[in-house]
Amino acid sequence: QNWLAANDRPSVPLGAFTRTLRALGLRTANKH
């Protein structure tokens, strides 16, 4: 979010961020 703000890009909702991490193939578990 800090990078997005510093580069004049829109904020991303947390849910969209988390789903995108998973869709990119990153494993998530226990809020990590």
PDB file of all heavy atoms in Angstrom:
ATOM      1  N   GLN A   1       0.831  -1.206   0.000  1.00  0.00           N
ATOM      2  CA  GLN A   1       0.000   0.000   0.000  1.00  0.00           C
ATOM      3  C   GLN A   1       0.870   1.263   0.000  1.00  0.00           C
ATOM      4  O   GLN A   1       0.545   2.245  -0.672  1.00  0.00           O
ATOM      5  CB  GLN A   1      -0.930   0.013   1.216  1.00  0.00           C
ATOM      6  CG  GLN A   1      -2.017  -1.043   1.150  1.00  0.00           C
ATOM      7  CD  GLN A   1      -3.029  -0.774   0.058  1.00  0.00           C
ATOM      8  OE1 GLN A   1      -2.822  -1.110  -1.096  1.00  0.00           O
ATOM      9  NE2 GLN A   1      -4.120  -0.149   0.420  1.00  0.00           N
ATOM     10  N   ASN A   2       1.954   1.250   0.746  1.00  0.00           N
ATOM     11  CA  ASN A   2       2.861   2.403   0.766  1.00  0.00           C
ATOM     12  C   ASN A   2       3.440   2.672  -0.615  1.00  0.00           C
ATOM     13  O   ASN A   2       3.544   3.815  -1.054  1.00  0.00           O
ATOM     14  CB  ASN A   2       3.989   2.199   1.778  1.00  0.00           C
ATOM     15  CG  ASN A   2       3.508   2.287   3.207  1.00  0.00           C
ATOM     16  OD1 ASN A   2       2.437   2.814   3.492  1.00  0.00           O
ATOM     17  ND2 ASN A   2       4.289   1.742   4.123  1.00  0.00           N
ATOM     18  N   TRP A   3       3.833   1.606  -1.305  1.00  0.00           N
ATOM     19  CA  TRP A   3       4.376   1.767  -2.660  1.00  0.00           C
ATOM     20  C   TRP A   3       3.300   2.310  -3.593  1.00  0.00           C
ATOM     21  O   TRP A   3       3.567   3.215  -4.395  1.00  0.00           O
ATOM     22  CB  TRP A   3       4.928   0.441  -3.187  1.00  0.00           C
ATOM     23  CG  TRP A   3       5.581   0.617  -4.526  1.00  0.00           C
ATOM     24  CD1 TRP A   3       6.895   0.934  -4.747  1.00  0.00           C
ATOM     25  CD2 TRP A   3       4.958   0.531  -5.809  1.00  0.00           C
ATOM     26  NE1 TRP A   3       7.115   1.038  -6.097  1.00  0.00           N
ATOM     27  CE2 TRP A   3       5.949   0.793  -6.772  1.00  0.00           C
ATOM     28  CE3 TRP A   3       3.671   0.247  -6.235  1.00  0.00           C
ATOM     29  CZ2 TRP A   3       5.695   0.789  -8.138  1.00  0.00           C
ATOM     30  CZ3 TRP A   3       3.407   0.244  -7.603  1.00  0.00           C
ATOM     31  CH2 TRP A   3       4.404   0.508  -8.548  1.00  0.00           C
ATOM     32  N   LEU A   4       2.094   1.768  -3.507  1.00  0.00           N
ATOM     33  CA  LEU A   4       0.997   2.243  -4.359  1.00  0.00           C
ATOM     34  C   LEU A   4       0.751   3.736  -4.134  1.00  0.00           C
ATOM     35  O   LEU A   4       0.628   4.505  -5.090  1.00  0.00           O
ATOM     36  CB  LEU A   4      -0.278   1.441  -4.094  1.00  0.00           C
ATOM     37  CG  LEU A   4      -0.246  -0.030  -4.513  1.00  0.00           C
ATOM     38  CD1 LEU A   4      -1.480  -0.753  -3.991  1.00  0.00           C
ATOM     39  CD2 LEU A   4      -0.138  -0.167  -6.023  1.00  0.00           C
ATOM     40  N   ALA A   5       0.686   4.154  -2.874  1.00  0.00           N
ATOM     41  CA  ALA A   5       0.437   5.563  -2.558  1.00  0.00           C
ATOM     42  C   ALA A   5       1.572   6.460  -3.073  1.00  0.00           C
ATOM     43  O   ALA A   5       1.319   7.525  -3.638  1.00  0.00           O
ATOM     44  CB  ALA A   5       0.267   5.740  -1.054  1.00  0.00           C
ATOM     45  N   ALA A   6       2.810   6.026  -2.890  1.00  0.00           N
ATOM     46  CA  ALA A   6       3.958   6.816  -3.327  1.00  0.00           C
ATOM     47  C   ALA A   6       4.041   6.934  -4.845  1.00  0.00           C
ATOM     48  O   ALA A   6       4.680   7.854  -5.364  1.00  0.00           O
ATOM     49  CB  ALA A   6       5.247   6.193  -2.789  1.00  0.00           C
ATOM     50  N   ASN A   7       3.394   6.024  -5.541  1.00  0.00           N
ATOM     51  CA  ASN A   7       3.434   6.014  -7.004  1.00  0.00           C
ATOM     52  C   ASN A   7       2.095   6.383  -7.628  1.00  0.00           C
ATOM     53  O   ASN A   7       1.830   6.044  -8.788  1.00  0.00           O
ATOM     54  CB  ASN A   7       3.917   4.643  -7.494  1.00  0.00           C
ATOM     55  CG  ASN A   7       5.391   4.461  -7.204  1.00  0.00           C
ATOM     56  OD1 ASN A   7       6.229   4.936  -7.952  1.00  0.00           O
ATOM     57  ND2 ASN A   7       5.702   3.818  -6.085  1.00  0.00           N
ATOM     58  N   ASP A   8       1.271   7.074  -6.844  1.00  0.00           N
ATOM     59  CA  ASP A   8      -0.028   7.570  -7.327  1.00  0.00           C
ATOM     60  C   ASP A   8      -0.892   6.482  -7.952  1.00  0.00           C
ATOM     61  O   ASP A   8      -1.530   6.688  -8.978  1.00  0.00           O
ATOM     62  CB  ASP A   8       0.165   8.719  -8.322  1.00  0.00           C
ATOM     63  CG  ASP A   8       0.807   9.928  -7.674  1.00  0.00           C
ATOM     64  OD1 ASP A   8       0.464  10.219  -6.516  1.00  0.00           O
ATOM     65  OD2 ASP A   8       1.661  10.566  -8.322  1.00  0.00           O
ATOM     66  N   ARG A   9      -0.895   5.335  -7.307  1.00  0.00           N
ATOM     67  CA  ARG A   9      -1.757   4.237  -7.760  1.00  0.00           C
ATOM     68  C   ARG A   9      -2.839   4.011  -6.719  1.00  0.00           C
ATOM     69  O   ARG A   9      -2.642   4.284  -5.536  1.00  0.00           O
ATOM     70  CB  ARG A   9      -0.942   2.968  -7.963  1.00  0.00           C
ATOM     71  CG  ARG A   9       0.156   3.164  -9.009  1.00  0.00           C
ATOM     72  CD  ARG A   9       0.431   1.928  -9.741  1.00  0.00           C
ATOM     73  NE  ARG A   9       1.559   2.086 -10.644  1.00  0.00           N
ATOM     74  CZ  ARG A   9       1.977   1.116 -11.417  1.00  0.00           C
ATOM     75  NH1 ARG A   9       1.407  -0.072 -11.389  1.00  0.00           N
ATOM     76  NH2 ARG A   9       2.984   1.313 -12.222  1.00  0.00           N
ATOM     77  N   PRO A  10      -3.997   3.512  -7.146  1.00  0.00           N
ATOM     78  CA  PRO A  10      -5.099   3.334  -6.196  1.00  0.00           C
ATOM     79  C   PRO A  10      -4.817   2.254  -5.158  1.00  0.00           C
ATOM     80  O   PRO A  10      -4.101   1.285  -5.418  1.00  0.00           O
ATOM     81  CB  PRO A  10      -6.282   2.951  -7.078  1.00  0.00           C
ATOM     82  CG  PRO A  10      -5.684   2.438  -8.339  1.00  0.00           C
ATOM     83  CD  PRO A  10      -4.357   3.119  -8.504  1.00  0.00           C
ATOM     84  N   SER A  11      -5.408   2.441  -4.004  1.00  0.00           N
ATOM     85  CA  SER A  11      -5.332   1.466  -2.923  1.00  0.00           C
ATOM     86  C   SER A  11      -6.009   0.159  -3.360  1.00  0.00           C
ATOM     87  O   SER A  11      -6.891   0.161  -4.215  1.00  0.00           O
ATOM     88  CB  SER A  11      -6.033   2.034  -1.704  1.00  0.00           C
ATOM     89  OG  SER A  11      -6.012   1.116  -0.649  1.00  0.00           O
ATOM     90  N   VAL A  12      -5.587  -0.920  -2.747  1.00  0.00           N
ATOM     91  CA  VAL A  12      -6.148  -2.244  -3.047  1.00  0.00           C
ATOM     92  C   VAL A  12      -6.807  -2.779  -1.781  1.00  0.00           C
ATOM     93  O   VAL A  12      -6.186  -2.769  -0.713  1.00  0.00           O
ATOM     94  CB  VAL A  12      -5.035  -3.217  -3.504  1.00  0.00           C
ATOM     95  CG1 VAL A  12      -5.551  -4.614  -3.674  1.00  0.00           C
ATOM     96  CG2 VAL A  12      -4.390  -2.712  -4.778  1.00  0.00           C
ATOM     97  N   PRO A  13      -8.048  -3.262  -1.875  1.00  0.00           N
ATOM     98  CA  PRO A  13      -8.679  -3.869  -0.698  1.00  0.00           C
ATOM     99  C   PRO A  13      -7.883  -5.093  -0.217  1.00  0.00           C
ATOM    100  O   PRO A  13      -7.308  -5.828  -1.032  1.00  0.00           O
ATOM    101  CB  PRO A  13     -10.058  -4.283  -1.196  1.00  0.00           C
ATOM    102  CG  PRO A  13     -10.290  -3.487  -2.437  1.00  0.00           C
ATOM    103  CD  PRO A  13      -8.936  -3.247  -3.031  1.00  0.00           C
ATOM    104  N   LEU A  14      -7.849  -5.303   1.090  1.00  0.00           N
ATOM    105  CA  LEU A  14      -7.091  -6.417   1.657  1.00  0.00           C
ATOM    106  C   LEU A  14      -7.534  -7.764   1.091  1.00  0.00           C
ATOM    107  O   LEU A  14      -6.705  -8.619   0.783  1.00  0.00           O
ATOM    108  CB  LEU A  14      -7.195  -6.415   3.187  1.00  0.00           C
ATOM    109  CG  LEU A  14      -6.446  -7.522   3.917  1.00  0.00           C
ATOM    110  CD1 LEU A  14      -4.956  -7.515   3.576  1.00  0.00           C
ATOM    111  CD2 LEU A  14      -6.640  -7.390   5.414  1.00  0.00           C
ATOM    112  N   GLY A  15      -8.834  -7.971   0.941  1.00  0.00           N
ATOM    113  CA  GLY A  15      -9.324  -9.240   0.397  1.00  0.00           C
ATOM    114  C   GLY A  15      -8.819  -9.491  -1.008  1.00  0.00           C
ATOM    115  O   GLY A  15      -8.381 -10.598  -1.342  1.00  0.00           O
ATOM    116  N   ALA A  16      -8.856  -8.470  -1.851  1.00  0.00           N
ATOM    117  CA  ALA A  16      -8.353  -8.605  -3.226  1.00  0.00           C
ATOM    118  C   ALA A  16      -6.856  -8.895  -3.207  1.00  0.00           C
ATOM    119  O   ALA A  16      -6.353  -9.711  -3.992  1.00  0.00           O
ATOM    120  CB  ALA A  16      -8.646  -7.343  -4.026  1.00  0.00           C
ATOM    121  N   PHE A  17      -6.134  -8.247  -2.299  1.00  0.00           N
ATOM    122  CA  PHE A  17      -4.696  -8.462  -2.174  1.00  0.00           C
ATOM    123  C   PHE A  17      -4.395  -9.913  -1.806  1.00  0.00           C
ATOM    124  O   PHE A  17      -3.572 -10.575  -2.438  1.00  0.00           O
ATOM    125  CB  PHE A  17      -4.129  -7.510  -1.118  1.00  0.00           C
ATOM    126  CG  PHE A  17      -2.655  -7.659  -0.894  1.00  0.00           C
ATOM    127  CD1 PHE A  17      -1.746  -7.168  -1.805  1.00  0.00           C
ATOM    128  CD2 PHE A  17      -2.174  -8.287   0.251  1.00  0.00           C
ATOM    129  CE1 PHE A  17      -0.383  -7.296  -1.596  1.00  0.00           C
ATOM    130  CE2 PHE A  17      -0.819  -8.419   0.476  1.00  0.00           C
ATOM    131  CZ  PHE A  17       0.079  -7.924  -0.452  1.00  0.00           C
ATOM    132  N   THR A  18      -5.081 -10.419  -0.804  1.00  0.00           N
ATOM    133  CA  THR A  18      -4.852 -11.790  -0.338  1.00  0.00           C
ATOM    134  C   THR A  18      -5.225 -12.808  -1.418  1.00  0.00           C
ATOM    135  O   THR A  18      -4.479 -13.765  -1.661  1.00  0.00           O
ATOM    136  CB  THR A  18      -5.646 -12.054   0.955  1.00  0.00           C
ATOM    137  OG1 THR A  18      -5.250 -11.094   1.932  1.00  0.00           O
ATOM    138  CG2 THR A  18      -5.375 -13.447   1.492  1.00  0.00           C
ATOM    139  N   ARG A  19      -6.365 -12.610  -2.072  1.00  0.00           N
ATOM    140  CA  ARG A  19      -6.764 -13.546  -3.140  1.00  0.00           C
ATOM    141  C   ARG A  19      -5.763 -13.517  -4.285  1.00  0.00           C
ATOM    142  O   ARG A  19      -5.434 -14.548  -4.876  1.00  0.00           O
ATOM    143  CB  ARG A  19      -8.172 -13.215  -3.640  1.00  0.00           C
ATOM    144  CG  ARG A  19      -9.258 -13.603  -2.652  1.00  0.00           C
ATOM    145  CD  ARG A  19     -10.647 -13.412  -3.242  1.00  0.00           C
ATOM    146  NE  ARG A  19     -10.956 -12.020  -3.548  1.00  0.00           N
ATOM    147  CZ  ARG A  19     -11.465 -11.157  -2.686  1.00  0.00           C
ATOM    148  NH1 ARG A  19     -11.715 -11.523  -1.431  1.00  0.00           N
ATOM    149  NH2 ARG A  19     -11.731  -9.911  -3.053  1.00  0.00           N
ATOM    150  N   THR A  20      -5.213 -12.336  -4.584  1.00  0.00           N
ATOM    151  CA  THR A  20      -4.228 -12.228  -5.661  1.00  0.00           C
ATOM    152  C   THR A  20      -2.935 -12.925  -5.282  1.00  0.00           C
ATOM    153  O   THR A  20      -2.325 -13.602  -6.126  1.00  0.00           O
ATOM    154  CB  THR A  20      -3.976 -10.751  -6.022  1.00  0.00           C
ATOM    155  OG1 THR A  20      -5.214 -10.161  -6.438  1.00  0.00           O
ATOM    156  CG2 THR A  20      -2.966 -10.617  -7.144  1.00  0.00           C
ATOM    157  N   LEU A  21      -2.492 -12.789  -4.033  1.00  0.00           N
ATOM    158  CA  LEU A  21      -1.297 -13.524  -3.599  1.00  0.00           C
ATOM    159  C   LEU A  21      -1.467 -15.009  -3.854  1.00  0.00           C
ATOM    160  O   LEU A  21      -0.573 -15.679  -4.385  1.00  0.00           O
ATOM    161  CB  LEU A  21      -1.024 -13.301  -2.109  1.00  0.00           C
ATOM    162  CG  LEU A  21      -0.527 -11.943  -1.649  1.00  0.00           C
ATOM    163  CD1 LEU A  21      -0.349 -11.936  -0.135  1.00  0.00           C
ATOM    164  CD2 LEU A  21       0.763 -11.558  -2.342  1.00  0.00           C
ATOM    165  N   ARG A  22      -2.628 -15.539  -3.486  1.00  0.00           N
ATOM    166  CA  ARG A  22      -2.890 -16.972  -3.679  1.00  0.00           C
ATOM    167  C   ARG A  22      -2.960 -17.321  -5.156  1.00  0.00           C
ATOM    168  O   ARG A  22      -2.434 -18.352  -5.581  1.00  0.00           O
ATOM    169  CB  ARG A  22      -4.181 -17.365  -2.979  1.00  0.00           C
ATOM    170  CG  ARG A  22      -4.076 -17.330  -1.483  1.00  0.00           C
ATOM    171  CD  ARG A  22      -5.355 -17.842  -0.847  1.00  0.00           C
ATOM    172  NE  ARG A  22      -5.399 -17.472   0.550  1.00  0.00           N
ATOM    173  CZ  ARG A  22      -6.449 -16.927   1.148  1.00  0.00           C
ATOM    174  NH1 ARG A  22      -7.556 -16.691   0.484  1.00  0.00           N
ATOM    175  NH2 ARG A  22      -6.400 -16.623   2.421  1.00  0.00           N
ATOM    176  N   ALA A  23      -3.615 -16.471  -5.943  1.00  0.00           N
ATOM    177  CA  ALA A  23      -3.730 -16.732  -7.381  1.00  0.00           C
ATOM    178  C   ALA A  23      -2.358 -16.703  -8.061  1.00  0.00           C
ATOM    179  O   ALA A  23      -2.145 -17.390  -9.056  1.00  0.00           O
ATOM    180  CB  ALA A  23      -4.665 -15.726  -8.031  1.00  0.00           C
ATOM    181  N   LEU A  24      -1.428 -15.919  -7.496  1.00  0.00           N
ATOM    182  CA  LEU A  24      -0.064 -15.876  -8.021  1.00  0.00           C
ATOM    183  C   LEU A  24       0.757 -17.096  -7.613  1.00  0.00           C
ATOM    184  O   LEU A  24       1.890 -17.257  -8.042  1.00  0.00           O
ATOM    185  CB  LEU A  24       0.645 -14.605  -7.541  1.00  0.00           C
ATOM    186  CG  LEU A  24       0.135 -13.296  -8.139  1.00  0.00           C
ATOM    187  CD1 LEU A  24       0.759 -12.109  -7.413  1.00  0.00           C
ATOM    188  CD2 LEU A  24       0.423 -13.240  -9.631  1.00  0.00           C
ATOM    189  N   GLY A  25       0.171 -17.943  -6.779  1.00  0.00           N
ATOM    190  CA  GLY A  25       0.850 -19.173  -6.390  1.00  0.00           C
ATOM    191  C   GLY A  25       1.542 -19.115  -5.052  1.00  0.00           C
ATOM    192  O   GLY A  25       2.229 -20.066  -4.672  1.00  0.00           O
ATOM    193  N   LEU A  26       1.387 -17.996  -4.330  1.00  0.00           N
ATOM    194  CA  LEU A  26       1.986 -17.917  -2.996  1.00  0.00           C
ATOM    195  C   LEU A  26       1.081 -18.609  -1.991  1.00  0.00           C
ATOM    196  O   LEU A  26      -0.134 -18.489  -2.053  1.00  0.00           O
ATOM    197  CB  LEU A  26       2.198 -16.457  -2.601  1.00  0.00           C
ATOM    198  CG  LEU A  26       3.234 -15.736  -3.453  1.00  0.00           C
ATOM    199  CD1 LEU A  26       3.162 -14.240  -3.234  1.00  0.00           C
ATOM    200  CD2 LEU A  26       4.622 -16.251  -3.147  1.00  0.00           C
ATOM    201  N   ARG A  27       1.673 -19.337  -1.088  1.00  0.00           N
ATOM    202  CA  ARG A  27       0.904 -20.054  -0.070  1.00  0.00           C
ATOM    203  C   ARG A  27       0.660 -19.132   1.105  1.00  0.00           C
ATOM    204  O   ARG A  27       1.553 -18.424   1.563  1.00  0.00           O
ATOM    205  CB  ARG A  27       1.671 -21.298   0.376  1.00  0.00           C
ATOM    206  CG  ARG A  27       0.847 -22.241   1.234  1.00  0.00           C
ATOM    207  CD  ARG A  27       1.518 -23.583   1.379  1.00  0.00           C
ATOM    208  NE  ARG A  27       2.787 -23.527   2.072  1.00  0.00           N
ATOM    209  CZ  ARG A  27       2.922 -23.566   3.404  1.00  0.00           C
ATOM    210  NH1 ARG A  27       1.872 -23.668   4.165  1.00  0.00           N
ATOM    211  NH2 ARG A  27       4.109 -23.540   3.944  1.00  0.00           N
ATOM    212  N   THR A  28      -0.576 -19.132   1.579  1.00  0.00           N
ATOM    213  CA  THR A  28      -0.923 -18.352   2.761  1.00  0.00           C
ATOM    214  C   THR A  28      -1.456 -19.300   3.826  1.00  0.00           C
ATOM    215  O   THR A  28      -2.102 -20.294   3.520  1.00  0.00           O
ATOM    216  CB  THR A  28      -1.973 -17.271   2.450  1.00  0.00           C
ATOM    217  OG1 THR A  28      -3.155 -17.886   1.962  1.00  0.00           O
ATOM    218  CG2 THR A  28      -1.456 -16.269   1.422  1.00  0.00           C
ATOM    219  N   ALA A  29      -1.147 -18.974   5.073  1.00  0.00           N
ATOM    220  CA  ALA A  29      -1.596 -19.800   6.196  1.00  0.00           C
ATOM    221  C   ALA A  29      -1.562 -18.975   7.471  1.00  0.00           C
ATOM    222  O   ALA A  29      -0.587 -18.260   7.726  1.00  0.00           O
ATOM    223  CB  ALA A  29      -0.701 -21.027   6.344  1.00  0.00           C
ATOM    224  N   ASN A  30      -2.619 -19.072   8.262  1.00  0.00           N
ATOM    225  CA  ASN A  30      -2.660 -18.399   9.566  1.00  0.00           C
ATOM    226  C   ASN A  30      -2.270 -16.923   9.500  1.00  0.00           C
ATOM    227  O   ASN A  30      -1.433 -16.460  10.268  1.00  0.00           O
ATOM    228  CB  ASN A  30      -1.762 -19.124  10.568  1.00  0.00           C
ATOM    229  CG  ASN A  30      -2.179 -20.547  10.774  1.00  0.00           C
ATOM    230  OD1 ASN A  30      -3.361 -20.852  10.815  1.00  0.00           O
ATOM    231  ND2 ASN A  30      -1.207 -21.437  10.870  1.00  0.00           N
ATOM    232  N   LYS A  31      -2.846 -16.210   8.542  1.00  0.00           N
ATOM    233  CA  LYS A  31      -2.602 -14.770   8.358  1.00  0.00           C
ATOM    234  C   LYS A  31      -1.158 -14.464   7.970  1.00  0.00           C
ATOM    235  O   LYS A  31      -0.666 -13.357   8.172  1.00  0.00           O
ATOM    236  CB  LYS A  31      -3.014 -13.971   9.586  1.00  0.00           C
ATOM    237  CG  LYS A  31      -4.482 -14.100   9.920  1.00  0.00           C
ATOM    238  CD  LYS A  31      -4.846 -13.258  11.113  1.00  0.00           C
ATOM    239  CE  LYS A  31      -6.323 -13.463  11.423  1.00  0.00           C
ATOM    240  NZ  LYS A  31      -6.758 -12.699  12.573  1.00  0.00           N
ATOM    241  N   HIS A  32      -0.466 -15.441   7.402  1.00  0.00           N
ATOM    242  CA  HIS A  32       0.905 -15.267   6.945  1.00  0.00           C
ATOM    243  C   HIS A  32       1.005 -15.683   5.482  1.00  0.00           C
ATOM    244  O   HIS A  32       0.199 -16.451   4.986  1.00  0.00           O
ATOM    245  CB  HIS A  32       1.869 -16.122   7.772  1.00  0.00           C
ATOM    246  CG  HIS A  32       2.069 -15.610   9.154  1.00  0.00           C
ATOM    247  ND1 HIS A  32       1.125 -15.758  10.152  1.00  0.00           N
ATOM    248  CD2 HIS A  32       3.103 -14.940   9.707  1.00  0.00           C
ATOM    249  CE1 HIS A  32       1.572 -15.211  11.259  1.00  0.00           C
ATOM    250  NE2 HIS A  32       2.769 -14.711  11.022  1.00  0.00           N
TER     251      HIS A  32
END
